[in-house]
Amino acid sequence: QLAVGMGFADEQDLLRQCRRLRTALGQDAPLGAADWARTLLATE
């Protein structure tokens, strides 16, 4: 439920997407607004 509230499909998707987002940030790959919002909310 919390994962969905943060914009992920479920907890497993959150874990997959966090790995993807970490990689994208590390490689300075462009992210869309939804990914930036997910990253910020997950961090908070």
Full PDB file with SEQRES, HELIX, SHEET, SSBOND, CRYST1, ORIGX, SCALE, CONECT and MASTER records, all heavy atoms in Angstrom:
SEQRES   1 A   44  GLN LEU ALA VAL GLY MET GLY PHE ALA ASP GLU GLN ASP          
SEQRES   2 A   44  LEU LEU ARG GLN CYS ARG ARG LEU ARG THR ALA LEU GLY          
SEQRES   3 A   44  GLN ASP ALA PRO LEU GLY ALA ALA ASP TRP ALA ARG THR          
SEQRES   4 A   44  LEU LEU ALA THR GLU                                          
HELIX    1 AA1 LEU A    2  GLY A    5  1                                   4    
HELIX    2 AA2 GLU A   11  GLY A   26  1                                  16    
HELIX    3 AA3 ALA A   33  THR A   43  1                                  11    
CRYST1    1.000    1.000    1.000  90.00  90.00  90.00 P 1           1          
ORIGX1      1.000000  0.000000  0.000000        0.00000                         
ORIGX2      0.000000  1.000000  0.000000        0.00000                         
ORIGX3      0.000000  0.000000  1.000000        0.00000                         
SCALE1      1.000000  0.000000  0.000000        0.00000                         
SCALE2      0.000000  1.000000  0.000000        0.00000                         
SCALE3      0.000000  0.000000  1.000000        0.00000                         
ATOM      1  N   GLN A   1       0.822  -1.210   0.000  1.00  0.00           N  
ATOM      2  CA  GLN A   1       0.000   0.000   0.000  1.00  0.00           C  
ATOM      3  C   GLN A   1       0.860   1.266   0.000  1.00  0.00           C  
ATOM      4  O   GLN A   1       0.572   2.221  -0.728  1.00  0.00           O  
ATOM      5  CB  GLN A   1      -0.949   0.017   1.212  1.00  0.00           C  
ATOM      6  CG  GLN A   1      -1.997  -1.055   1.178  1.00  0.00           C  
ATOM      7  CD  GLN A   1      -1.504  -2.377   1.791  1.00  0.00           C  
ATOM      8  OE1 GLN A   1      -0.339  -2.558   2.118  1.00  0.00           O  
ATOM      9  NE2 GLN A   1      -2.424  -3.320   1.923  1.00  0.00           N  
ATOM     10  N   LEU A   2       1.912   1.283   0.814  1.00  0.00           N  
ATOM     11  CA  LEU A   2       2.795   2.445   0.846  1.00  0.00           C  
ATOM     12  C   LEU A   2       3.525   2.589  -0.488  1.00  0.00           C  
ATOM     13  O   LEU A   2       3.660   3.696  -1.008  1.00  0.00           O  
ATOM     14  CB  LEU A   2       3.794   2.343   1.999  1.00  0.00           C  
ATOM     15  CG  LEU A   2       4.784   3.500   2.132  1.00  0.00           C  
ATOM     16  CD1 LEU A   2       4.068   4.840   2.278  1.00  0.00           C  
ATOM     17  CD2 LEU A   2       5.716   3.246   3.312  1.00  0.00           C  
ATOM     18  N   ALA A   3       3.973   1.481  -1.045  1.00  0.00           N  
ATOM     19  CA  ALA A   3       4.652   1.525  -2.337  1.00  0.00           C  
ATOM     20  C   ALA A   3       3.744   2.139  -3.403  1.00  0.00           C  
ATOM     21  O   ALA A   3       4.178   2.981  -4.193  1.00  0.00           O  
ATOM     22  CB  ALA A   3       5.110   0.129  -2.753  1.00  0.00           C  
ATOM     23  N   VAL A   4       2.489   1.738  -3.423  1.00  0.00           N  
ATOM     24  CA  VAL A   4       1.530   2.298  -4.380  1.00  0.00           C  
ATOM     25  C   VAL A   4       1.371   3.798  -4.143  1.00  0.00           C  
ATOM     26  O   VAL A   4       1.358   4.587  -5.091  1.00  0.00           O  
ATOM     27  CB  VAL A   4       0.171   1.565  -4.297  1.00  0.00           C  
ATOM     28  CG1 VAL A   4      -0.905   2.299  -5.087  1.00  0.00           C  
ATOM     29  CG2 VAL A   4       0.321   0.128  -4.793  1.00  0.00           C  
ATOM     30  N   GLY A   5       1.289   4.205  -2.890  1.00  0.00           N  
ATOM     31  CA  GLY A   5       1.177   5.628  -2.570  1.00  0.00           C  
ATOM     32  C   GLY A   5       2.376   6.439  -3.030  1.00  0.00           C  
ATOM     33  O   GLY A   5       2.260   7.631  -3.315  1.00  0.00           O  
ATOM     34  N   MET A   6       3.532   5.783  -3.121  1.00  0.00           N  
ATOM     35  CA  MET A   6       4.744   6.450  -3.601  1.00  0.00           C  
ATOM     36  C   MET A   6       4.871   6.389  -5.118  1.00  0.00           C  
ATOM     37  O   MET A   6       5.833   6.887  -5.681  1.00  0.00           O  
ATOM     38  CB  MET A   6       5.989   5.827  -2.954  1.00  0.00           C  
ATOM     39  CG  MET A   6       6.150   6.180  -1.505  1.00  0.00           C  
ATOM     40  SD  MET A   6       7.784   5.689  -0.867  1.00  0.00           S  
ATOM     41  CE  MET A   6       7.581   3.917  -0.717  1.00  0.00           C  
ATOM     42  N   GLY A   7       3.916   5.740  -5.787  1.00  0.00           N  
ATOM     43  CA  GLY A   7       3.930   5.707  -7.241  1.00  0.00           C  
ATOM     44  C   GLY A   7       4.497   4.445  -7.851  1.00  0.00           C  
ATOM     45  O   GLY A   7       4.781   4.395  -9.052  1.00  0.00           O  
ATOM     46  N   PHE A   8       4.647   3.394  -7.037  1.00  0.00           N  
ATOM     47  CA  PHE A   8       5.145   2.110  -7.533  1.00  0.00           C  
ATOM     48  C   PHE A   8       3.980   1.121  -7.579  1.00  0.00           C  
ATOM     49  O   PHE A   8       2.961   1.332  -6.928  1.00  0.00           O  
ATOM     50  CB  PHE A   8       6.262   1.587  -6.621  1.00  0.00           C  
ATOM     51  CG  PHE A   8       7.417   2.544  -6.494  1.00  0.00           C  
ATOM     52  CD1 PHE A   8       7.502   3.417  -5.424  1.00  0.00           C  
ATOM     53  CD2 PHE A   8       8.405   2.591  -7.468  1.00  0.00           C  
ATOM     54  CE1 PHE A   8       8.555   4.313  -5.300  1.00  0.00           C  
ATOM     55  CE2 PHE A   8       9.464   3.488  -7.353  1.00  0.00           C  
ATOM     56  CZ  PHE A   8       9.537   4.354  -6.271  1.00  0.00           C  
ATOM     57  N   ALA A   9       4.126   0.041  -8.323  1.00  0.00           N  
ATOM     58  CA  ALA A   9       3.037  -0.932  -8.444  1.00  0.00           C  
ATOM     59  C   ALA A   9       2.819  -1.699  -7.147  1.00  0.00           C  
ATOM     60  O   ALA A   9       1.682  -1.991  -6.775  1.00  0.00           O  
ATOM     61  CB  ALA A   9       3.326  -1.909  -9.585  1.00  0.00           C  
ATOM     62  N   ASP A  10       3.899  -2.036  -6.465  1.00  0.00           N  
ATOM     63  CA  ASP A  10       3.854  -2.769  -5.201  1.00  0.00           C  
ATOM     64  C   ASP A  10       5.263  -2.733  -4.607  1.00  0.00           C  
ATOM     65  O   ASP A  10       6.150  -2.063  -5.154  1.00  0.00           O  
ATOM     66  CB  ASP A  10       3.372  -4.216  -5.393  1.00  0.00           C  
ATOM     67  CG  ASP A  10       4.176  -5.008  -6.413  1.00  0.00           C  
ATOM     68  OD1 ASP A  10       5.368  -4.687  -6.660  1.00  0.00           O  
ATOM     69  OD2 ASP A  10       3.623  -5.962  -6.983  1.00  0.00           O  
ATOM     70  N   GLU A  11       5.482  -3.437  -3.510  1.00  0.00           N  
ATOM     71  CA  GLU A  11       6.774  -3.409  -2.833  1.00  0.00           C  
ATOM     72  C   GLU A  11       7.891  -3.962  -3.731  1.00  0.00           C  
ATOM     73  O   GLU A  11       8.991  -3.413  -3.772  1.00  0.00           O  
ATOM     74  CB  GLU A  11       6.703  -4.200  -1.522  1.00  0.00           C  
ATOM     75  CG  GLU A  11       7.964  -4.076  -0.699  1.00  0.00           C  
ATOM     76  CD  GLU A  11       8.629  -5.400  -0.438  1.00  0.00           C  
ATOM     77  OE1 GLU A  11       8.052  -6.453  -0.771  1.00  0.00           O  
ATOM     78  OE2 GLU A  11       9.750  -5.389   0.093  1.00  0.00           O  
ATOM     79  N   GLN A  12       7.636  -5.019  -4.455  1.00  0.00           N  
ATOM     80  CA  GLN A  12       8.664  -5.576  -5.340  1.00  0.00           C  
ATOM     81  C   GLN A  12       9.027  -4.595  -6.460  1.00  0.00           C  
ATOM     82  O   GLN A  12      10.193  -4.466  -6.830  1.00  0.00           O  
ATOM     83  CB  GLN A  12       8.213  -6.924  -5.917  1.00  0.00           C  
ATOM     84  CG  GLN A  12       8.248  -8.043  -4.905  1.00  0.00           C  
ATOM     85  CD  GLN A  12       9.637  -8.219  -4.296  1.00  0.00           C  
ATOM     86  OE1 GLN A  12      10.634  -8.349  -5.004  1.00  0.00           O  
ATOM     87  NE2 GLN A  12       9.706  -8.215  -2.982  1.00  0.00           N  
ATOM     88  N   ASP A  13       8.031  -3.887  -6.983  1.00  0.00           N  
ATOM     89  CA  ASP A  13       8.294  -2.869  -7.996  1.00  0.00           C  
ATOM     90  C   ASP A  13       9.122  -1.738  -7.399  1.00  0.00           C  
ATOM     91  O   ASP A  13      10.039  -1.228  -8.045  1.00  0.00           O  
ATOM     92  CB  ASP A  13       6.982  -2.338  -8.585  1.00  0.00           C  
ATOM     93  CG  ASP A  13       7.216  -1.348  -9.704  1.00  0.00           C  
ATOM     94  OD1 ASP A  13       7.977  -1.675 -10.645  1.00  0.00           O  
ATOM     95  OD2 ASP A  13       6.643  -0.241  -9.642  1.00  0.00           O  
ATOM     96  N   LEU A  14       8.825  -1.345  -6.172  1.00  0.00           N  
ATOM     97  CA  LEU A  14       9.618  -0.316  -5.497  1.00  0.00           C  
ATOM     98  C   LEU A  14      11.088  -0.731  -5.459  1.00  0.00           C  
ATOM     99  O   LEU A  14      11.969   0.063  -5.796  1.00  0.00           O  
ATOM    100  CB  LEU A  14       9.110  -0.074  -4.071  1.00  0.00           C  
ATOM    101  CG  LEU A  14      10.029   0.793  -3.216  1.00  0.00           C  
ATOM    102  CD1 LEU A  14       9.332   2.059  -2.772  1.00  0.00           C  
ATOM    103  CD2 LEU A  14      10.512   0.027  -2.012  1.00  0.00           C  
ATOM    104  N   LEU A  15      11.361  -1.965  -5.077  1.00  0.00           N  
ATOM    105  CA  LEU A  15      12.746  -2.435  -5.001  1.00  0.00           C  
ATOM    106  C   LEU A  15      13.414  -2.426  -6.376  1.00  0.00           C  
ATOM    107  O   LEU A  15      14.553  -1.973  -6.522  1.00  0.00           O  
ATOM    108  CB  LEU A  15      12.799  -3.827  -4.375  1.00  0.00           C  
ATOM    109  CG  LEU A  15      12.307  -3.920  -2.930  1.00  0.00           C  
ATOM    110  CD1 LEU A  15      12.293  -5.365  -2.465  1.00  0.00           C  
ATOM    111  CD2 LEU A  15      13.131  -3.037  -2.008  1.00  0.00           C  
ATOM    112  N   ARG A  16      12.692  -2.898  -7.391  1.00  0.00           N  
ATOM    113  CA  ARG A  16      13.240  -2.886  -8.760  1.00  0.00           C  
ATOM    114  C   ARG A  16      13.493  -1.456  -9.240  1.00  0.00           C  
ATOM    115  O   ARG A  16      14.543  -1.151  -9.810  1.00  0.00           O  
ATOM    116  CB  ARG A  16      12.282  -3.585  -9.731  1.00  0.00           C  
ATOM    117  CG  ARG A  16      12.356  -5.092  -9.723  1.00  0.00           C  
ATOM    118  CD  ARG A  16      11.552  -5.699 -10.874  1.00  0.00           C  
ATOM    119  NE  ARG A  16      10.147  -5.304 -10.868  1.00  0.00           N  
ATOM    120  CZ  ARG A  16       9.197  -5.907 -10.151  1.00  0.00           C  
ATOM    121  NH1 ARG A  16       9.502  -6.917  -9.362  1.00  0.00           N  
ATOM    122  NH2 ARG A  16       7.945  -5.497 -10.215  1.00  0.00           N  
ATOM    123  N   GLN A  17      12.504  -0.603  -9.026  1.00  0.00           N  
ATOM    124  CA  GLN A  17      12.623   0.774  -9.504  1.00  0.00           C  
ATOM    125  C   GLN A  17      13.698   1.551  -8.740  1.00  0.00           C  
ATOM    126  O   GLN A  17      14.385   2.400  -9.326  1.00  0.00           O  
ATOM    127  CB  GLN A  17      11.271   1.493  -9.410  1.00  0.00           C  
ATOM    128  CG  GLN A  17      10.194   0.908 -10.298  1.00  0.00           C  
ATOM    129  CD  GLN A  17      10.562   0.926 -11.765  1.00  0.00           C  
ATOM    130  OE1 GLN A  17      11.227   1.838 -12.249  1.00  0.00           O  
ATOM    131  NE2 GLN A  17      10.136  -0.090 -12.489  1.00  0.00           N  
ATOM    132  N   CYS A  18      13.855   1.275  -7.460  1.00  0.00           N  
ATOM    133  CA  CYS A  18      14.923   1.942  -6.698  1.00  0.00           C  
ATOM    134  C   CYS A  18      16.287   1.569  -7.268  1.00  0.00           C  
ATOM    135  O   CYS A  18      17.166   2.423  -7.374  1.00  0.00           O  
ATOM    136  CB  CYS A  18      14.836   1.613  -5.210  1.00  0.00           C  
ATOM    137  SG  CYS A  18      13.545   2.540  -4.346  1.00  0.00           S  
ATOM    138  N   ARG A  19      16.468   0.314  -7.647  1.00  0.00           N  
ATOM    139  CA  ARG A  19      17.730  -0.097  -8.288  1.00  0.00           C  
ATOM    140  C   ARG A  19      17.917   0.658  -9.607  1.00  0.00           C  
ATOM    141  O   ARG A  19      19.006   1.151  -9.909  1.00  0.00           O  
ATOM    142  CB  ARG A  19      17.762  -1.607  -8.514  1.00  0.00           C  
ATOM    143  CG  ARG A  19      18.017  -2.401  -7.253  1.00  0.00           C  
ATOM    144  CD  ARG A  19      18.289  -3.871  -7.522  1.00  0.00           C  
ATOM    145  NE  ARG A  19      17.172  -4.578  -8.116  1.00  0.00           N  
ATOM    146  CZ  ARG A  19      16.191  -5.158  -7.433  1.00  0.00           C  
ATOM    147  NH1 ARG A  19      16.180  -5.118  -6.115  1.00  0.00           N  
ATOM    148  NH2 ARG A  19      15.213  -5.778  -8.060  1.00  0.00           N  
ATOM    149  N   ARG A  20      16.845   0.722 -10.393  1.00  0.00           N  
ATOM    150  CA  ARG A  20      16.913   1.429 -11.686  1.00  0.00           C  
ATOM    151  C   ARG A  20      17.217   2.912 -11.481  1.00  0.00           C  
ATOM    152  O   ARG A  20      18.076   3.483 -12.171  1.00  0.00           O  
ATOM    153  CB  ARG A  20      15.588   1.270 -12.439  1.00  0.00           C  
ATOM    154  CG  ARG A  20      15.556   2.001 -13.783  1.00  0.00           C  
ATOM    155  CD  ARG A  20      14.208   1.888 -14.458  1.00  0.00           C  
ATOM    156  NE  ARG A  20      13.140   2.564 -13.746  1.00  0.00           N  
ATOM    157  CZ  ARG A  20      12.896   3.876 -13.797  1.00  0.00           C  
ATOM    158  NH1 ARG A  20      13.661   4.669 -14.531  1.00  0.00           N  
ATOM    159  NH2 ARG A  20      11.885   4.399 -13.119  1.00  0.00           N  
ATOM    160  N   LEU A  21      16.543   3.526 -10.528  1.00  0.00           N  
ATOM    161  CA  LEU A  21      16.746   4.956 -10.271  1.00  0.00           C  
ATOM    162  C   LEU A  21      18.146   5.241  -9.740  1.00  0.00           C  
ATOM    163  O   LEU A  21      18.776   6.231 -10.123  1.00  0.00           O  
ATOM    164  CB  LEU A  21      15.676   5.482  -9.311  1.00  0.00           C  
ATOM    165  CG  LEU A  21      14.252   5.490  -9.884  1.00  0.00           C  
ATOM    166  CD1 LEU A  21      13.229   5.718  -8.789  1.00  0.00           C  
ATOM    167  CD2 LEU A  21      14.129   6.517 -11.006  1.00  0.00           C  
ATOM    168  N   ARG A  22      18.653   4.371  -8.875  1.00  0.00           N  
ATOM    169  CA  ARG A  22      20.024   4.535  -8.371  1.00  0.00           C  
ATOM    170  C   ARG A  22      21.015   4.484  -9.527  1.00  0.00           C  
ATOM    171  O   ARG A  22      21.936   5.300  -9.605  1.00  0.00           O  
ATOM    172  CB  ARG A  22      20.380   3.426  -7.370  1.00  0.00           C  
ATOM    173  CG  ARG A  22      19.775   3.598  -6.016  1.00  0.00           C  
ATOM    174  CD  ARG A  22      20.324   2.593  -5.005  1.00  0.00           C  
ATOM    175  NE  ARG A  22      21.629   3.060  -4.577  1.00  0.00           N  
ATOM    176  CZ  ARG A  22      22.777   2.466  -4.842  1.00  0.00           C  
ATOM    177  NH1 ARG A  22      22.817   1.346  -5.531  1.00  0.00           N  
ATOM    178  NH2 ARG A  22      23.914   2.963  -4.422  1.00  0.00           N  
ATOM    179  N   THR A  23      20.818   3.537 -10.422  1.00  0.00           N  
ATOM    180  CA  THR A  23      21.704   3.408 -11.577  1.00  0.00           C  
ATOM    181  C   THR A  23      21.608   4.644 -12.458  1.00  0.00           C  
ATOM    182  O   THR A  23      22.632   5.204 -12.878  1.00  0.00           O  
ATOM    183  CB  THR A  23      21.363   2.141 -12.383  1.00  0.00           C  
ATOM    184  OG1 THR A  23      21.561   1.001 -11.535  1.00  0.00           O  
ATOM    185  CG2 THR A  23      22.219   2.015 -13.630  1.00  0.00           C  
ATOM    186  N   ALA A  24      20.400   5.083 -12.740  1.00  0.00           N  
ATOM    187  CA  ALA A  24      20.205   6.264 -13.589  1.00  0.00           C  
ATOM    188  C   ALA A  24      20.866   7.498 -12.974  1.00  0.00           C  
ATOM    189  O   ALA A  24      21.538   8.264 -13.676  1.00  0.00           O  
ATOM    190  CB  ALA A  24      18.709   6.513 -13.810  1.00  0.00           C  
ATOM    191  N   LEU A  25      20.694   7.681 -11.674  1.00  0.00           N  
ATOM    192  CA  LEU A  25      21.334   8.817 -11.004  1.00  0.00           C  
ATOM    193  C   LEU A  25      22.855   8.703 -11.080  1.00  0.00           C  
ATOM    194  O   LEU A  25      23.549   9.687 -11.318  1.00  0.00           O  
ATOM    195  CB  LEU A  25      20.881   8.906  -9.551  1.00  0.00           C  
ATOM    196  CG  LEU A  25      19.433   9.354  -9.318  1.00  0.00           C  
ATOM    197  CD1 LEU A  25      19.027   9.122  -7.872  1.00  0.00           C  
ATOM    198  CD2 LEU A  25      19.251  10.810  -9.718  1.00  0.00           C  
ATOM    199  N   GLY A  26      23.364   7.513 -10.876  1.00  0.00           N  
ATOM    200  CA  GLY A  26      24.806   7.293 -10.927  1.00  0.00           C  
ATOM    201  C   GLY A  26      25.399   7.514 -12.307  1.00  0.00           C  
ATOM    202  O   GLY A  26      26.555   7.926 -12.439  1.00  0.00           O  
ATOM    203  N   GLN A  27      24.605   7.258 -13.332  1.00  0.00           N  
ATOM    204  CA  GLN A  27      25.066   7.432 -14.716  1.00  0.00           C  
ATOM    205  C   GLN A  27      24.660   8.780 -15.295  1.00  0.00           C  
ATOM    206  O   GLN A  27      24.901   9.050 -16.467  1.00  0.00           O  
ATOM    207  CB  GLN A  27      24.516   6.303 -15.587  1.00  0.00           C  
ATOM    208  CG  GLN A  27      25.045   4.948 -15.210  1.00  0.00           C  
ATOM    209  CD  GLN A  27      24.404   3.811 -15.997  1.00  0.00           C  
ATOM    210  OE1 GLN A  27      23.411   3.987 -16.707  1.00  0.00           O  
ATOM    211  NE2 GLN A  27      24.975   2.633 -15.858  1.00  0.00           N  
ATOM    212  N   ASP A  28      24.024   9.612 -14.485  1.00  0.00           N  
ATOM    213  CA  ASP A  28      23.528  10.919 -14.919  1.00  0.00           C  
ATOM    214  C   ASP A  28      22.595  10.797 -16.124  1.00  0.00           C  
ATOM    215  O   ASP A  28      22.598  11.620 -17.028  1.00  0.00           O  
ATOM    216  CB  ASP A  28      24.688  11.877 -15.224  1.00  0.00           C  
ATOM    217  CG  ASP A  28      24.250  13.326 -15.208  1.00  0.00           C  
ATOM    218  OD1 ASP A  28      23.288  13.673 -14.482  1.00  0.00           O  
ATOM    219  OD2 ASP A  28      24.864  14.146 -15.934  1.00  0.00           O  
ATOM    220  N   ALA A  29      21.785   9.735 -16.118  1.00  0.00           N  
ATOM    221  CA  ALA A  29      20.802   9.530 -17.180  1.00  0.00           C  
ATOM    222  C   ALA A  29      19.596  10.441 -16.939  1.00  0.00           C  
ATOM    223  O   ALA A  29      19.235  10.707 -15.791  1.00  0.00           O  
ATOM    224  CB  ALA A  29      20.355   8.071 -17.201  1.00  0.00           C  
ATOM    225  N   PRO A  30      18.965  10.921 -17.984  1.00  0.00           N  
ATOM    226  CA  PRO A  30      17.792  11.782 -17.817  1.00  0.00           C  
ATOM    227  C   PRO A  30      16.623  11.017 -17.187  1.00  0.00           C  
ATOM    228  O   PRO A  30      16.384   9.853 -17.517  1.00  0.00           O  
ATOM    229  CB  PRO A  30      17.427  12.208 -19.241  1.00  0.00           C  
ATOM    230  CG  PRO A  30      18.575  11.811 -20.090  1.00  0.00           C  
ATOM    231  CD  PRO A  30      19.319  10.745 -19.388  1.00  0.00           C  
ATOM    232  N   LEU A  31      15.927  11.683 -16.272  1.00  0.00           N  
ATOM    233  CA  LEU A  31      14.739  11.117 -15.625  1.00  0.00           C  
ATOM    234  C   LEU A  31      13.548  12.022 -15.886  1.00  0.00           C  
ATOM    235  O   LEU A  31      13.693  13.242 -15.940  1.00  0.00           O  
ATOM    236  CB  LEU A  31      14.951  10.997 -14.115  1.00  0.00           C  
ATOM    237  CG  LEU A  31      16.031  10.034 -13.631  1.00  0.00           C  
ATOM    238  CD1 LEU A  31      16.212  10.152 -12.127  1.00  0.00           C  
ATOM    239  CD2 LEU A  31      15.678   8.612 -14.018  1.00  0.00           C  
ATOM    240  N   GLY A  32      12.373  11.401 -16.004  1.00  0.00           N  
ATOM    241  CA  GLY A  32      11.143  12.164 -16.148  1.00  0.00           C  
ATOM    242  C   GLY A  32      10.658  12.677 -14.800  1.00  0.00           C  
ATOM    243  O   GLY A  32      11.151  12.257 -13.736  1.00  0.00           O  
ATOM    244  N   ALA A  33       9.687  13.551 -14.835  1.00  0.00           N  
ATOM    245  CA  ALA A  33       9.164  14.168 -13.610  1.00  0.00           C  
ATOM    246  C   ALA A  33       8.637  13.128 -12.624  1.00  0.00           C  
ATOM    247  O   ALA A  33       8.852  13.253 -11.412  1.00  0.00           O  
ATOM    248  CB  ALA A  33       8.065  15.170 -13.968  1.00  0.00           C  
ATOM    249  N   ALA A  34       7.952  12.098 -13.113  1.00  0.00           N  
ATOM    250  CA  ALA A  34       7.418  11.071 -12.210  1.00  0.00           C  
ATOM    251  C   ALA A  34       8.547  10.336 -11.493  1.00  0.00           C  
ATOM    252  O   ALA A  34       8.443  10.049 -10.296  1.00  0.00           O  
ATOM    253  CB  ALA A  34       6.538  10.084 -12.977  1.00  0.00           C  
ATOM    254  N   ASP A  35       9.638  10.046 -12.200  1.00  0.00           N  
ATOM    255  CA  ASP A  35      10.771   9.391 -11.557  1.00  0.00           C  
ATOM    256  C   ASP A  35      11.432  10.308 -10.533  1.00  0.00           C  
ATOM    257  O   ASP A  35      11.863   9.853  -9.475  1.00  0.00           O  
ATOM    258  CB  ASP A  35      11.796   8.932 -12.589  1.00  0.00           C  
ATOM    259  CG  ASP A  35      11.421   7.607 -13.228  1.00  0.00           C  
ATOM    260  OD1 ASP A  35      10.629   6.843 -12.629  1.00  0.00           O  
ATOM    261  OD2 ASP A  35      11.935   7.325 -14.328  1.00  0.00           O  
ATOM    262  N   TRP A  36      11.537  11.592 -10.841  1.00  0.00           N  
ATOM    263  CA  TRP A  36      12.079  12.529  -9.855  1.00  0.00           C  
ATOM    264  C   TRP A  36      11.183  12.583  -8.624  1.00  0.00           C  
ATOM    265  O   TRP A  36      11.665  12.601  -7.491  1.00  0.00           O  
ATOM    266  CB  TRP A  36      12.255  13.918 -10.462  1.00  0.00           C  
ATOM    267  CG  TRP A  36      13.491  14.033 -11.287  1.00  0.00           C  
ATOM    268  CD1 TRP A  36      13.566  14.196 -12.637  1.00  0.00           C  
ATOM    269  CD2 TRP A  36      14.840  13.967 -10.817  1.00  0.00           C  
ATOM    270  NE1 TRP A  36      14.887  14.237 -13.038  1.00  0.00           N  
ATOM    271  CE2 TRP A  36      15.689  14.104 -11.939  1.00  0.00           C  
ATOM    272  CE3 TRP A  36      15.415  13.803  -9.558  1.00  0.00           C  
ATOM    273  CZ2 TRP A  36      17.081  14.089 -11.829  1.00  0.00           C  
ATOM    274  CZ3 TRP A  36      16.804  13.787  -9.447  1.00  0.00           C  
ATOM    275  CH2 TRP A  36      17.619  13.931 -10.577  1.00  0.00           C  
ATOM    276  N   ALA A  37       9.867  12.581  -8.841  1.00  0.00           N  
ATOM    277  CA  ALA A  37       8.929  12.621  -7.713  1.00  0.00           C  
ATOM    278  C   ALA A  37       9.028  11.343  -6.879  1.00  0.00           C  
ATOM    279  O   ALA A  37       9.036  11.393  -5.641  1.00  0.00           O  
ATOM    280  CB  ALA A  37       7.503  12.837  -8.214  1.00  0.00           C  
ATOM    281  N   ARG A  38       9.109  10.190  -7.535  1.00  0.00           N  
ATOM    282  CA  ARG A  38       9.263   8.920  -6.806  1.00  0.00           C  
ATOM    283  C   ARG A  38      10.561   8.910  -6.002  1.00  0.00           C  
ATOM    284  O   ARG A  38      10.591   8.475  -4.848  1.00  0.00           O  
ATOM    285  CB  ARG A  38       9.272   7.740  -7.780  1.00  0.00           C  
ATOM    286  CG  ARG A  38       7.946   7.420  -8.384  1.00  0.00           C  
ATOM    287  CD  ARG A  38       8.075   6.168  -9.268  1.00  0.00           C  
ATOM    288  NE  ARG A  38       6.924   6.052 -10.116  1.00  0.00           N  
ATOM    289  CZ  ARG A  38       6.920   6.343 -11.416  1.00  0.00           C  
ATOM    290  NH1 ARG A  38       8.006   6.732 -12.041  1.00  0.00           N  
ATOM    291  NH2 ARG A  38       5.813   6.217 -12.108  1.00  0.00           N  
ATOM    292  N   THR A  39      11.625   9.372  -6.613  1.00  0.00           N  
ATOM    293  CA  THR A  39      12.924   9.419  -5.937  1.00  0.00           C  
ATOM    294  C   THR A  39      12.862  10.298  -4.705  1.00  0.00           C  
ATOM    295  O   THR A  39      13.324   9.911  -3.621  1.00  0.00           O  
ATOM    296  CB  THR A  39      14.015   9.929  -6.909  1.00  0.00           C  
ATOM    297  OG1 THR A  39      14.122   9.010  -8.000  1.00  0.00           O  
ATOM    298  CG2 THR A  39      15.353  10.082  -6.219  1.00  0.00           C  
ATOM    299  N   LEU A  40      12.282  11.470  -4.848  1.00  0.00           N  
ATOM    300  CA  LEU A  40      12.193  12.394  -3.721  1.00  0.00           C  
ATOM    301  C   LEU A  40      11.319  11.830  -2.607  1.00  0.00           C  
ATOM    302  O   LEU A  40      11.711  11.824  -1.431  1.00  0.00           O  
ATOM    303  CB  LEU A  40      11.660  13.754  -4.185  1.00  0.00           C  
ATOM    304  CG  LEU A  40      11.549  14.821  -3.103  1.00  0.00           C  
ATOM    305  CD1 LEU A  40      12.904  15.096  -2.451  1.00  0.00           C  
ATOM    306  CD2 LEU A  40      10.959  16.097  -3.693  1.00  0.00           C  
ATOM    307  N   LEU A  41      10.146  11.332  -2.950  1.00  0.00           N  
ATOM    308  CA  LEU A  41       9.234  10.804  -1.942  1.00  0.00           C  
ATOM    309  C   LEU A  41       9.819   9.578  -1.246  1.00  0.00           C  
ATOM    310  O   LEU A  41       9.743   9.451  -0.019  1.00  0.00           O  
ATOM    311  CB  LEU A  41       7.877  10.475  -2.571  1.00  0.00           C  
ATOM    312  CG  LEU A  41       6.760  10.045  -1.621  1.00  0.00           C  
ATOM    313  CD1 LEU A  41       6.555  11.061  -0.503  1.00  0.00           C  
ATOM    314  CD2 LEU A  41       5.480   9.831  -2.415  1.00  0.00           C  
ATOM    315  N   ALA A  42      10.428   8.690  -2.003  1.00  0.00           N  
ATOM    316  CA  ALA A  42      11.058   7.506  -1.408  1.00  0.00           C  
ATOM    317  C   ALA A  42      12.183   7.914  -0.464  1.00  0.00           C  
ATOM    318  O   ALA A  42      12.368   7.309   0.600  1.00  0.00           O  
ATOM    319  CB  ALA A  42      11.579   6.574  -2.500  1.00  0.00           C  
ATOM    320  N   THR A  43      12.925   8.959  -0.821  1.00  0.00           N  
ATOM    321  CA  THR A  43      13.998   9.461   0.043  1.00  0.00           C  
ATOM    322  C   THR A  43      13.422  10.058   1.320  1.00  0.00           C  
ATOM    323  O   THR A  43      13.913   9.773   2.421  1.00  0.00           O  
ATOM    324  CB  THR A  43      14.840  10.501  -0.717  1.00  0.00           C  
ATOM    325  OG1 THR A  43      15.456   9.871  -1.845  1.00  0.00           O  
ATOM    326  CG2 THR A  43      15.905  11.115   0.170  1.00  0.00           C  
ATOM    327  N   GLU A  44      12.406  10.887   1.181  1.00  0.00           N  
ATOM    328  CA  GLU A  44      11.792  11.523   2.355  1.00  0.00           C  
ATOM    329  C   GLU A  44      11.283  10.477   3.344  1.00  0.00           C  
ATOM    330  O   GLU A  44      11.547  10.561   4.549  1.00  0.00           O  
ATOM    331  CB  GLU A  44      10.640  12.436   1.911  1.00  0.00           C  
ATOM    332  CG  GLU A  44      11.087  13.638   1.111  1.00  0.00           C  
ATOM    333  CD  GLU A  44       9.955  14.352   0.401  1.00  0.00           C  
ATOM    334  OE1 GLU A  44       8.846  13.773   0.238  1.00  0.00           O  
ATOM    335  OE2 GLU A  44      10.166  15.491  -0.013  1.00  0.00           O  
TER     336      GLU A  44                                                      
MASTER        0    0    0    3    0    0    0    6  335    1    0    4          
END                                                                             
